[in-house]
Amino acid sequence: MSTPLDHEWRTTSRHRTSEGVVRYQRCRCGAWRIRLATPRTTTVAVSAGRVRAVG
């Protein structure tokens, strides 16, 4: 399993909101995350490993 430092995050889209800037990011391994950057902080709101089909 990868650690957060093993990922190579690339921003797939970026949107300005009333709270700050939201970035949707994906790693080439298939993991993804959503980051919120406010004037004071940057927070990872959601992070997930690779998504696999079930069935």
PDB file of N, CA and C in Angstrom:
ATOM      1  N   MET A   1       0.839  -1.183   0.000  1.00  0.00           N
ATOM      2  CA  MET A   1       0.000   0.000   0.000  1.00  0.00           C
ATOM      3  C   MET A   1       0.884   1.246   0.000  1.00  0.00           C
ATOM      4  N   SER A   2       0.469   2.276  -0.702  1.00  0.00           N
ATOM      5  CA  SER A   2       1.227   3.522  -0.809  1.00  0.00           C
ATOM      6  C   SER A   2       1.009   4.398   0.416  1.00  0.00           C
ATOM      7  N   THR A   3       1.979   5.218   0.701  1.00  0.00           N
ATOM      8  CA  THR A   3       1.813   6.251   1.719  1.00  0.00           C
ATOM      9  C   THR A   3       1.510   7.554   0.994  1.00  0.00           C
ATOM     10  N   PRO A   4       0.982   8.590   1.691  1.00  0.00           N
ATOM     11  CA  PRO A   4       0.684   9.857   1.015  1.00  0.00           C
ATOM     12  C   PRO A   4       1.883  10.450   0.290  1.00  0.00           C
ATOM     13  N   LEU A   5       3.095  10.158   0.759  1.00  0.00           N
ATOM     14  CA  LEU A   5       4.286  10.716   0.126  1.00  0.00           C
ATOM     15  C   LEU A   5       4.639  10.011  -1.178  1.00  0.00           C
ATOM     16  N   ASP A   6       4.065   8.833  -1.424  1.00  0.00           N
ATOM     17  CA  ASP A   6       4.342   8.090  -2.645  1.00  0.00           C
ATOM     18  C   ASP A   6       3.512   8.559  -3.833  1.00  0.00           C
ATOM     19  N   HIS A   7       2.509   9.380  -3.606  1.00  0.00           N
ATOM     20  CA  HIS A   7       1.599   9.796  -4.669  1.00  0.00           C
ATOM     21  C   HIS A   7       2.162  10.964  -5.468  1.00  0.00           C
ATOM     22  N   GLU A   8       1.775  11.002  -6.729  1.00  0.00           N
ATOM     23  CA  GLU A   8       2.094  12.126  -7.609  1.00  0.00           C
ATOM     24  C   GLU A   8       0.766  12.763  -8.000  1.00  0.00           C
ATOM     25  N   TRP A   9       0.313  13.726  -7.193  1.00  0.00           N
ATOM     26  CA  TRP A   9      -1.009  14.319  -7.382  1.00  0.00           C
ATOM     27  C   TRP A   9      -1.011  15.295  -8.546  1.00  0.00           C
ATOM     28  N   ARG A  10      -2.046  15.183  -9.371  1.00  0.00           N
ATOM     29  CA  ARG A  10      -2.281  16.121 -10.478  1.00  0.00           C
ATOM     30  C   ARG A  10      -3.699  16.661 -10.336  1.00  0.00           C
ATOM     31  N   THR A  11      -3.832  17.964 -10.466  1.00  0.00           N
ATOM     32  CA  THR A  11      -5.139  18.594 -10.361  1.00  0.00           C
ATOM     33  C   THR A  11      -5.921  18.357 -11.647  1.00  0.00           C
ATOM     34  N   THR A  12      -7.115  17.778 -11.513  1.00  0.00           N
ATOM     35  CA  THR A  12      -7.967  17.539 -12.683  1.00  0.00           C
ATOM     36  C   THR A  12      -8.959  18.671 -12.893  1.00  0.00           C
ATOM     37  N   SER A  13      -9.346  19.353 -11.808  1.00  0.00           N
ATOM     38  CA  SER A  13     -10.173  20.545 -11.936  1.00  0.00           C
ATOM     39  C   SER A  13     -10.024  21.395 -10.684  1.00  0.00           C
ATOM     40  N   ARG A  14     -10.335  22.670 -10.842  1.00  0.00           N
ATOM     41  CA  ARG A  14     -10.188  23.631  -9.754  1.00  0.00           C
ATOM     42  C   ARG A  14     -11.362  24.595  -9.818  1.00  0.00           C
ATOM     43  N   HIS A  15     -11.971  24.881  -8.659  1.00  0.00           N
ATOM     44  CA  HIS A  15     -13.148  25.730  -8.623  1.00  0.00           C
ATOM     45  C   HIS A  15     -13.058  26.704  -7.455  1.00  0.00           C
ATOM     46  N   ARG A  16     -13.328  27.961  -7.721  1.00  0.00           N
ATOM     47  CA  ARG A  16     -13.365  28.974  -6.668  1.00  0.00           C
ATOM     48  C   ARG A  16     -14.746  28.929  -6.017  1.00  0.00           C
ATOM     49  N   THR A  17     -14.788  28.866  -4.678  1.00  0.00           N
ATOM     50  CA  THR A  17     -16.043  28.847  -3.923  1.00  0.00           C
ATOM     51  C   THR A  17     -16.019  29.955  -2.882  1.00  0.00           C
ATOM     52  N   SER A  18     -17.112  30.126  -2.166  1.00  0.00           N
ATOM     53  CA  SER A  18     -17.160  31.142  -1.103  1.00  0.00           C
ATOM     54  C   SER A  18     -16.219  30.795   0.043  1.00  0.00           C
ATOM     55  N   GLU A  19     -15.855  29.515   0.192  1.00  0.00           N
ATOM     56  CA  GLU A  19     -14.958  29.072   1.261  1.00  0.00           C
ATOM     57  C   GLU A  19     -13.485  29.145   0.866  1.00  0.00           C
ATOM     58  N   GLY A  20     -13.199  29.137  -0.417  1.00  0.00           N
ATOM     59  CA  GLY A  20     -11.815  29.120  -0.908  1.00  0.00           C
ATOM     60  C   GLY A  20     -11.762  28.429  -2.255  1.00  0.00           C
ATOM     61  N   VAL A  21     -10.637  27.800  -2.562  1.00  0.00           N
ATOM     62  CA  VAL A  21     -10.467  27.105  -3.835  1.00  0.00           C
ATOM     63  C   VAL A  21     -10.471  25.599  -3.586  1.00  0.00           C
ATOM     64  N   VAL A  22     -11.352  24.897  -4.295  1.00  0.00           N
ATOM     65  CA  VAL A  22     -11.457  23.444  -4.192  1.00  0.00           C
ATOM     66  C   VAL A  22     -10.706  22.849  -5.380  1.00  0.00           C
ATOM     67  N   ARG A  23      -9.834  21.878  -5.094  1.00  0.00           N
ATOM     68  CA  ARG A  23      -9.088  21.186  -6.148  1.00  0.00           C
ATOM     69  C   ARG A  23      -9.405  19.695  -6.083  1.00  0.00           C
ATOM     70  N   TYR A  24      -9.754  19.139  -7.237  1.00  0.00           N
ATOM     71  CA  TYR A  24      -9.954  17.703  -7.368  1.00  0.00           C
ATOM     72  C   TYR A  24      -8.672  17.144  -7.954  1.00  0.00           C
ATOM     73  N   GLN A  25      -8.053  16.201  -7.256  1.00  0.00           N
ATOM     74  CA  GLN A  25      -6.756  15.684  -7.670  1.00  0.00           C
ATOM     75  C   GLN A  25      -6.776  14.170  -7.783  1.00  0.00           C
ATOM     76  N   ARG A  26      -5.997  13.655  -8.727  1.00  0.00           N
ATOM     77  CA  ARG A  26      -5.899  12.218  -8.955  1.00  0.00           C
ATOM     78  C   ARG A  26      -4.428  11.856  -9.121  1.00  0.00           C
ATOM     79  N   CYS A  27      -4.083  10.680  -8.601  1.00  0.00           N
ATOM     80  CA  CYS A  27      -2.743  10.132  -8.759  1.00  0.00           C
ATOM     81  C   CYS A  27      -2.789   9.103  -9.888  1.00  0.00           C
ATOM     82  N   ARG A  28      -1.667   8.850 -10.518  1.00  0.00           N
ATOM     83  CA  ARG A  28      -1.662   7.876 -11.613  1.00  0.00           C
ATOM     84  C   ARG A  28      -1.954   6.457 -11.122  1.00  0.00           C
ATOM     85  N   CYS A  29      -1.854   6.210  -9.825  1.00  0.00           N
ATOM     86  CA  CYS A  29      -2.188   4.886  -9.279  1.00  0.00           C
ATOM     87  C   CYS A  29      -3.701   4.687  -9.161  1.00  0.00           C
ATOM     88  N   GLY A  30      -4.477   5.759  -9.362  1.00  0.00           N
ATOM     89  CA  GLY A  30      -5.925   5.673  -9.272  1.00  0.00           C
ATOM     90  C   GLY A  30      -6.501   6.305  -8.018  1.00  0.00           C
ATOM     91  N   ALA A  31      -5.660   6.654  -7.048  1.00  0.00           N
ATOM     92  CA  ALA A  31      -6.134   7.322  -5.836  1.00  0.00           C
ATOM     93  C   ALA A  31      -6.575   8.742  -6.189  1.00  0.00           C
ATOM     94  N   TRP A  32      -7.489   9.279  -5.396  1.00  0.00           N
ATOM     95  CA  TRP A  32      -7.943  10.646  -5.631  1.00  0.00           C
ATOM     96  C   TRP A  32      -8.148  11.357  -4.300  1.00  0.00           C
ATOM     97  N   ARG A  33      -8.231  12.686  -4.364  1.00  0.00           N
ATOM     98  CA  ARG A  33      -8.507  13.477  -3.169  1.00  0.00           C
ATOM     99  C   ARG A  33      -9.109  14.810  -3.581  1.00  0.00           C
ATOM    100  N   ILE A  34      -9.770  15.439  -2.620  1.00  0.00           N
ATOM    101  CA  ILE A  34     -10.343  16.764  -2.806  1.00  0.00           C
ATOM    102  C   ILE A  34      -9.687  17.659  -1.767  1.00  0.00           C
ATOM    103  N   ARG A  35      -9.135  18.785  -2.221  1.00  0.00           N
ATOM    104  CA  ARG A  35      -8.459  19.705  -1.300  1.00  0.00           C
ATOM    105  C   ARG A  35      -9.159  21.054  -1.310  1.00  0.00           C
ATOM    106  N   LEU A  36      -9.283  21.650  -0.135  1.00  0.00           N
ATOM    107  CA  LEU A  36      -9.843  22.989   0.002  1.00  0.00           C
ATOM    108  C   LEU A  36      -8.739  23.907   0.505  1.00  0.00           C
ATOM    109  N   ALA A  37      -8.440  24.944  -0.258  1.00  0.00           N
ATOM    110  CA  ALA A  37      -7.433  25.929   0.147  1.00  0.00           C
ATOM    111  C   ALA A  37      -8.159  27.230   0.487  1.00  0.00           C
ATOM    112  N   THR A  38      -8.100  27.618   1.769  1.00  0.00           N
ATOM    113  CA  THR A  38      -8.671  28.889   2.216  1.00  0.00           C
ATOM    114  C   THR A  38      -7.517  29.874   2.354  1.00  0.00           C
ATOM    115  N   PRO A  39      -7.816  31.149   2.593  1.00  0.00           N
ATOM    116  CA  PRO A  39      -6.715  32.112   2.763  1.00  0.00           C
ATOM    117  C   PRO A  39      -5.731  31.736   3.879  1.00  0.00           C
ATOM    118  N   ARG A  40      -6.185  30.950   4.867  1.00  0.00           N
ATOM    119  CA  ARG A  40      -5.324  30.624   6.009  1.00  0.00           C
ATOM    120  C   ARG A  40      -4.817  29.191   6.027  1.00  0.00           C
ATOM    121  N   THR A  41      -5.531  28.262   5.387  1.00  0.00           N
ATOM    122  CA  THR A  41      -5.163  26.847   5.499  1.00  0.00           C
ATOM    123  C   THR A  41      -5.372  26.096   4.185  1.00  0.00           C
ATOM    124  N   THR A  42      -4.811  24.913   4.116  1.00  0.00           N
ATOM    125  CA  THR A  42      -5.105  23.960   3.053  1.00  0.00           C
ATOM    126  C   THR A  42      -5.469  22.655   3.735  1.00  0.00           C
ATOM    127  N   THR A  43      -6.627  22.110   3.396  1.00  0.00           N
ATOM    128  CA  THR A  43      -7.135  20.913   4.043  1.00  0.00           C
ATOM    129  C   THR A  43      -7.479  19.852   3.012  1.00  0.00           C
ATOM    130  N   VAL A  44      -7.115  18.613   3.305  1.00  0.00           N
ATOM    131  CA  VAL A  44      -7.566  17.500   2.475  1.00  0.00           C
ATOM    132  C   VAL A  44      -8.935  17.116   3.010  1.00  0.00           C
ATOM    133  N   ALA A  45      -9.969  17.340   2.202  1.00  0.00           N
ATOM    134  CA  ALA A  45     -11.332  17.074   2.641  1.00  0.00           C
ATOM    135  C   ALA A  45     -11.685  15.595   2.503  1.00  0.00           C
ATOM    136  N   VAL A  46     -11.252  14.979   1.417  1.00  0.00           N
ATOM    137  CA  VAL A  46     -11.555  13.581   1.145  1.00  0.00           C
ATOM    138  C   VAL A  46     -10.355  12.983   0.450  1.00  0.00           C
ATOM    139  N   SER A  47     -10.012  11.773   0.809  1.00  0.00           N
ATOM    140  CA  SER A  47      -8.931  11.079   0.131  1.00  0.00           C
ATOM    141  C   SER A  47      -9.296   9.608   0.059  1.00  0.00           C
ATOM    142  N   ALA A  48      -9.061   8.998  -1.097  1.00  0.00           N
ATOM    143  CA  ALA A  48      -9.415   7.588  -1.261  1.00  0.00           C
ATOM    144  C   ALA A  48      -8.342   6.873  -2.054  1.00  0.00           C
ATOM    145  N   GLY A  49      -8.223   5.588  -1.796  1.00  0.00           N
ATOM    146  CA  GLY A  49      -7.304   4.780  -2.567  1.00  0.00           C
ATOM    147  C   GLY A  49      -7.885   4.464  -3.938  1.00  0.00           C
ATOM    148  N   ARG A  50      -7.290   3.524  -4.594  1.00  0.00           N
ATOM    149  CA  ARG A  50      -7.760   3.143  -5.923  1.00  0.00           C
ATOM    150  C   ARG A  50      -9.183   2.614  -5.840  1.00  0.00           C
ATOM    151  N   VAL A  51      -9.951   2.968  -6.838  1.00  0.00           N
ATOM    152  CA  VAL A  51     -11.330   2.496  -6.924  1.00  0.00           C
ATOM    153  C   VAL A  51     -11.328   1.240  -7.783  1.00  0.00           C
ATOM    154  N   ARG A  52     -11.930   0.171  -7.277  1.00  0.00           N
ATOM    155  CA  ARG A  52     -11.961  -1.091  -7.997  1.00  0.00           C
ATOM    156  C   ARG A  52     -13.403  -1.495  -8.267  1.00  0.00           C
ATOM    157  N   ALA A  53     -13.626  -2.061  -9.411  1.00  0.00           N
ATOM    158  CA  ALA A  53     -14.955  -2.564  -9.738  1.00  0.00           C
ATOM    159  C   ALA A  53     -15.237  -3.809  -8.889  1.00  0.00           C
ATOM    160  N   VAL A  54     -16.462  -3.939  -8.447  1.00  0.00           N
ATOM    161  CA  VAL A  54     -16.864  -5.080  -7.648  1.00  0.00           C
ATOM    162  C   VAL A  54     -17.755  -5.966  -8.514  1.00  0.00           C
ATOM    163  N   GLY A  55     -17.483  -7.275  -8.476  1.00  0.00           N
ATOM    164  CA  GLY A  55     -18.366  -8.192  -9.194  1.00  0.00           C
ATOM    165  C   GLY A  55     -17.739  -8.914 -10.331  1.00  0.00           C
TER     166      GLY A  55
END
